Protein backbone atom coordinates (compact mmCIF):
# COMPACT_ATOMS: atom_id res chain seq x y z
CA MET A 1 22.73 84.17 111.12
CA LYS A 2 26.33 85.27 111.53
CA GLN A 3 26.66 83.38 114.83
CA ARG A 4 25.28 80.22 113.21
CA THR A 5 27.81 80.51 110.37
CA ILE A 6 30.67 80.96 112.82
CA ARG A 7 29.43 78.02 114.88
CA PHE A 8 29.22 75.85 111.74
CA TYR A 9 32.87 76.50 110.87
CA GLU A 10 33.85 75.78 114.50
CA ILE A 11 32.11 72.41 114.30
CA LEU A 12 33.32 71.52 110.79
CA PRO A 13 36.81 70.08 111.65
CA GLY A 14 35.39 67.78 114.30
CA LEU A 15 32.45 66.85 112.08
CA ILE A 16 34.77 65.82 109.24
CA THR A 17 36.95 63.80 111.62
CA TRP A 18 34.05 61.90 113.18
CA THR A 19 32.45 61.32 109.76
CA ILE A 20 35.66 59.70 108.48
CA LEU A 21 35.94 57.54 111.62
CA ILE A 22 32.32 56.41 111.77
CA SER A 23 31.41 56.10 108.06
CA PRO A 24 33.38 52.85 107.38
CA PHE A 25 31.38 51.03 110.08
CA LEU A 26 28.08 52.26 108.64
CA ILE A 27 28.96 51.74 104.97
CA ALA A 28 30.30 48.22 105.71
CA PHE A 29 26.72 46.94 105.95
CA VAL A 30 25.95 48.26 102.43
CA ALA A 31 29.24 48.00 100.52
CA PRO A 32 31.80 45.88 102.43
CA LYS A 33 34.18 45.64 99.46
CA ALA A 34 34.33 49.42 99.14
CA VAL A 35 35.13 49.71 102.84
CA ALA A 36 37.86 47.06 102.53
CA ILE A 37 39.47 48.98 99.66
CA PHE A 38 39.18 52.24 101.60
CA VAL A 39 40.85 50.73 104.69
CA LEU A 40 43.61 49.19 102.58
CA LEU A 41 44.35 52.52 100.87
CA TYR A 42 44.23 54.31 104.22
CA VAL A 43 46.75 51.90 105.76
CA MET A 44 49.02 52.22 102.70
CA LEU A 45 48.82 56.01 102.91
CA TRP A 46 50.03 56.02 106.52
CA PHE A 47 52.68 53.41 105.77
CA PHE A 48 54.25 55.67 103.12
CA ARG A 49 53.85 58.70 105.38
CA SER A 50 55.75 56.79 108.06
CA ILE A 51 58.56 56.09 105.60
CA LYS A 52 58.67 59.77 104.65
CA SER A 53 58.80 60.82 108.31
CA THR A 54 61.61 58.36 109.00
CA ILE A 55 63.64 59.70 106.06
CA PHE A 56 63.22 63.28 107.26
CA LEU A 57 64.12 62.29 110.82
CA LEU A 58 67.34 60.65 109.65
CA GLN A 59 68.14 63.63 107.43
CA SER A 60 67.59 66.00 110.37
CA TYR A 61 69.73 63.90 112.70
CA PHE A 62 72.68 63.81 110.29
CA ARG A 63 72.33 67.56 109.75
CA TYR A 64 72.39 68.03 113.52
CA LYS A 65 75.61 66.01 113.80
CA THR A 66 77.13 68.11 111.01
CA TYR A 67 76.12 71.37 112.69
CA GLU A 68 77.87 70.26 115.87
CA LYS A 69 81.19 70.29 113.98
CA ILE A 70 80.81 73.80 112.52
CA ASN A 71 82.55 76.82 114.07
CA TRP A 72 79.55 79.12 114.48
CA ASP A 73 81.63 81.81 116.18
CA PHE A 74 83.66 82.11 112.96
CA LEU A 75 80.52 82.40 110.81
CA LEU A 76 78.96 84.99 113.13
CA SER A 77 82.17 87.04 113.01
CA PHE A 78 81.27 87.96 109.40
CA PHE A 79 78.35 89.95 110.84
CA SER A 80 80.55 92.49 112.63
CA ASP A 81 82.75 95.53 112.05
CA THR A 82 85.82 93.27 112.05
CA PRO A 83 85.02 90.34 109.73
CA PRO A 84 87.64 87.64 109.11
CA THR A 85 90.71 88.82 107.21
CA ASP A 86 91.88 87.42 103.89
CA ASP A 87 94.43 85.29 105.75
CA ALA A 88 91.62 83.62 107.68
CA LEU A 89 89.60 83.03 104.51
CA ILE A 90 92.39 81.54 102.39
CA PRO A 91 92.05 78.02 103.91
CA TYR A 92 88.37 78.01 102.91
CA ILE A 93 88.78 79.51 99.44
CA ASP A 94 91.77 77.31 98.57
CA GLY A 95 89.91 74.20 99.67
CA VAL A 96 92.23 73.34 102.54
CA LYS A 97 89.13 73.14 104.72
CA LYS A 98 86.50 71.04 103.03
CA GLY A 99 82.93 69.98 103.57
CA THR A 100 79.98 71.77 105.07
CA GLU A 101 81.93 74.40 107.02
CA LYS A 102 83.62 75.61 103.83
CA GLU A 103 80.24 75.73 102.06
CA PHE A 104 78.77 77.77 104.89
CA ALA A 105 81.71 80.20 104.89
CA LEU A 106 81.57 80.81 101.13
CA LYS A 107 77.78 81.10 101.19
CA THR A 108 78.02 83.61 104.03
CA ILE A 109 80.53 85.79 102.16
CA HIS A 110 78.36 85.81 99.05
CA ASN A 111 75.13 86.53 100.93
CA ILE A 112 76.58 89.35 103.04
CA ARG A 113 77.39 91.32 99.88
CA ALA A 114 73.72 91.15 98.87
CA LEU A 115 72.57 92.04 102.38
CA LYS A 116 74.78 95.13 102.44
CA ASN A 117 73.62 96.22 98.99
CA GLU A 118 69.96 96.11 100.02
CA GLY A 119 70.60 97.66 103.43
CA SER A 120 69.52 94.67 105.54
CA PHE A 121 72.93 93.78 106.96
CA CYS A 122 72.93 93.56 110.77
CA HIS A 123 75.63 92.93 113.36
CA TRP A 124 75.21 89.73 115.33
CA ASN A 125 75.73 91.47 118.69
CA GLN A 126 72.74 93.71 118.01
CA ILE A 127 70.43 90.69 118.27
CA TYR A 128 68.47 90.04 121.45
CA HIS A 129 66.87 86.71 122.28
CA ILE A 130 63.64 86.51 124.26
CA VAL A 131 63.24 83.09 125.82
CA LEU A 132 59.63 82.69 126.93
CA MET A 133 58.74 79.79 129.19
CA ALA A 134 55.02 79.33 129.83
CA THR A 135 54.22 77.40 132.99
CA TYR A 136 51.07 76.11 134.65
CA LYS A 137 51.20 73.90 137.75
CA GLU A 138 54.81 72.80 137.05
CA ASP A 139 56.89 72.09 140.14
CA LEU A 140 59.82 74.30 141.03
CA GLU A 141 62.28 71.45 140.39
CA ILE A 142 61.23 71.17 136.74
CA LEU A 143 61.51 74.91 136.11
CA ASP A 144 64.81 75.14 137.96
CA ALA A 145 66.35 72.35 135.87
CA SER A 146 65.21 73.97 132.61
CA ILE A 147 66.48 77.45 133.49
CA SER A 148 69.73 75.93 134.71
CA GLY A 149 70.13 74.31 131.29
CA LEU A 150 69.42 77.65 129.63
CA SER A 151 72.09 79.32 131.77
CA LYS A 152 74.72 76.98 130.28
CA VAL A 153 74.31 78.07 126.65
CA ASP A 154 77.40 79.42 124.90
CA TYR A 155 76.04 82.87 124.03
CA PRO A 156 76.35 86.31 125.70
CA HIS A 157 73.84 86.14 128.54
CA ASP A 158 73.32 89.90 128.50
CA LYS A 159 71.62 89.44 125.10
CA ILE A 160 69.15 86.91 126.52
CA ILE A 161 65.88 88.13 128.03
CA PHE A 162 64.19 85.41 130.05
CA VAL A 163 60.42 85.62 130.47
CA LEU A 164 58.58 83.39 132.93
CA ALA A 165 54.90 83.41 131.91
CA THR A 166 52.77 82.17 134.79
CA GLU A 167 49.02 81.79 135.25
CA GLU A 168 46.74 83.53 137.74
CA ARG A 169 44.76 80.26 137.78
CA ASP A 170 47.71 78.85 139.74
CA GLU A 171 48.56 82.08 141.55
CA ALA A 172 49.99 80.83 144.84
CA ARG A 173 52.42 78.41 143.18
CA ALA A 174 53.30 80.97 140.49
CA ILE A 175 54.24 83.64 143.05
CA GLU A 176 56.31 81.21 145.11
CA ASN A 177 58.16 79.76 142.10
CA THR A 178 58.81 83.20 140.61
CA LYS A 179 60.27 84.49 143.88
CA LYS A 180 62.70 81.58 144.27
CA LEU A 181 63.73 81.51 140.60
CA LYS A 182 64.34 85.27 140.54
CA GLU A 183 66.52 84.99 143.62
CA LYS A 184 68.61 82.30 141.90
CA TYR A 185 68.67 83.47 138.26
CA GLY A 186 67.74 87.16 138.47
CA ASN A 187 71.27 88.27 137.51
CA THR A 188 72.09 85.40 135.15
CA PHE A 189 70.51 86.93 132.03
CA GLY A 190 70.19 90.43 130.61
CA LYS A 191 66.68 90.53 132.06
CA PHE A 192 64.51 88.20 134.10
CA ILE A 193 60.88 89.17 133.57
CA ALA A 194 57.91 87.48 135.23
CA ILE A 195 54.44 88.04 133.78
CA MET A 196 51.25 86.58 135.21
CA HIS A 197 48.45 85.86 132.74
CA PRO A 198 45.10 87.02 134.21
CA LYS A 199 42.31 84.48 134.38
CA ASN A 200 38.88 84.90 132.80
CA LEU A 201 39.90 87.39 130.12
CA PRO A 202 37.04 88.07 127.69
CA ASP A 203 37.04 86.22 124.34
CA GLU A 204 40.00 84.05 125.34
CA ILE A 205 40.33 80.31 125.85
CA PRO A 206 42.31 79.55 129.04
CA ALA A 207 45.24 77.76 127.45
CA LYS A 208 48.97 78.00 126.81
CA GLY A 209 48.53 80.06 123.63
CA GLY A 210 46.69 82.81 125.49
CA ASN A 211 49.42 82.91 128.13
CA ILE A 212 52.17 83.25 125.50
CA SER A 213 50.31 85.93 123.51
CA TYR A 214 49.65 87.99 126.64
CA ALA A 215 53.29 87.77 127.79
CA CYS A 216 54.61 88.63 124.31
CA ALA A 217 52.47 91.78 124.14
CA LYS A 218 53.66 92.95 127.56
CA VAL A 219 57.34 92.30 126.81
CA ALA A 220 57.09 93.96 123.36
CA ASP A 221 55.75 97.15 124.95
CA GLN A 222 58.58 97.14 127.48
CA LEU A 223 61.32 96.64 124.87
CA ILE A 224 59.93 99.38 122.62
CA GLU A 225 59.93 101.78 125.61
CA GLU A 226 63.61 100.93 126.14
CA GLY A 227 64.42 101.71 122.50
CA ILE A 228 65.16 98.15 121.35
CA ASP A 229 64.30 97.62 117.69
CA PRO A 230 61.81 94.70 117.36
CA LYS A 231 63.61 93.68 114.14
CA ASN A 232 66.62 92.81 116.27
CA VAL A 233 64.67 90.56 118.63
CA ILE A 234 64.15 86.81 118.18
CA LEU A 235 61.55 85.03 120.29
CA THR A 236 61.98 81.43 121.39
CA THR A 237 59.19 79.67 123.29
CA LEU A 238 60.21 76.78 125.51
CA ASP A 239 58.11 74.26 127.37
CA ALA A 240 58.73 74.12 131.09
CA ASP A 241 60.91 71.00 130.71
CA ASN A 242 62.96 72.14 127.68
CA ALA A 243 66.70 72.77 127.63
CA PRO A 244 68.35 74.26 124.51
CA HIS A 245 71.62 73.00 123.01
CA LYS A 246 74.64 75.07 124.02
CA ASP A 247 75.02 76.41 120.44
CA TYR A 248 71.30 76.91 119.82
CA PHE A 249 71.36 80.72 119.95
CA LYS A 250 74.46 80.98 117.77
CA ILE A 251 72.89 78.83 115.06
CA LEU A 252 69.55 80.62 115.30
CA THR A 253 71.20 84.05 115.15
CA TYR A 254 73.25 83.06 112.11
CA HIS A 255 70.26 81.76 110.15
CA TYR A 256 68.19 84.80 111.12
CA LEU A 257 70.88 87.21 109.92
CA MET A 258 71.26 85.32 106.65
CA GLU A 259 67.59 85.93 105.79
CA HIS A 260 66.82 88.90 103.54
CA ASP A 261 63.21 89.26 104.73
CA ARG A 262 63.98 88.04 108.22
CA VAL A 263 61.01 89.54 110.07
CA ARG A 264 58.69 87.21 108.12
CA VAL A 265 60.61 84.03 108.95
CA SER A 266 60.08 81.46 111.69
CA PHE A 267 62.30 78.52 112.59
CA GLN A 268 61.54 75.05 113.93
CA PRO A 269 64.43 73.53 115.87
CA LEU A 270 65.09 69.81 115.98
CA ALA A 271 63.59 68.41 119.19
CA PHE A 272 65.08 65.55 121.19
CA PHE A 273 62.74 63.90 123.69
CA HIS A 274 65.28 62.67 126.23
CA ASN A 275 65.58 65.57 128.66
CA ASN A 276 63.39 63.96 131.34
CA ILE A 277 62.68 60.69 129.58
CA TRP A 278 62.68 58.54 132.76
CA GLU A 279 60.42 60.86 134.76
CA ILE A 280 57.48 60.97 132.35
CA PRO A 281 54.63 58.39 132.20
CA PHE A 282 55.20 55.22 130.15
CA THR A 283 52.72 56.23 127.43
CA ASN A 284 54.46 59.57 126.87
CA ARG A 285 57.85 57.82 126.82
CA LEU A 286 56.61 55.39 124.17
CA VAL A 287 55.47 58.24 121.91
CA SER A 288 58.79 60.07 122.43
CA LEU A 289 60.77 56.99 121.43
């Protein structure tokens, strides 16, 4: 009985989807006007959802352009033993510097007082970044280009732990790629860790999520053994063809440190689909655009 219940809930999402797709064709023979109204409302719903998505995309893009102008090194310097002096803050407080950067600076000063009072203040240079890249059947050229992009970020590389999560299902390629990438980038970051996800694990679907979960568990055990506090570790998962912005880790670190209950927070960066836009199939390029 329990297995049947579980199976029912596994089927339910697909059943609902197919019911919605097929029912208009069936009901059209009985109540064509009702189907016409349903289709009209459905099209209107997605039209307004498209408008909403466009508004949020524009809002995100303008925020991105604003963030590019902000001095994130200055904001991170508040999270240290030598925060900016009064002389450095006067231009912000007196309004000589205006706009978003001033708002960020004043907000940071105010929030740090609260963080210190509740004992959750943390220095920015205590933060480690795990960058986990899951790969399956990707060519060496793709991985090399992505890691090369990662190596150009403006952030202390000794605080970046790179994890290459490969699959035993593609063992020969994984071993060869790992060997060549370690030779080239082994000393670029604080650590270069390669973890191979075993195939045919019980109760696991062979997919990217299983690879990431397995690699995360292995890396977590290793960091704990080395005495690194998990609260001071931020995990970023990248696709094999991703390349972060040069200030990505600064911005992420700042927002993480500004959170009061930071271990329960996740962040979604703004994605731009132009890294390898001319190498992907036409259909994928159309969706990206």
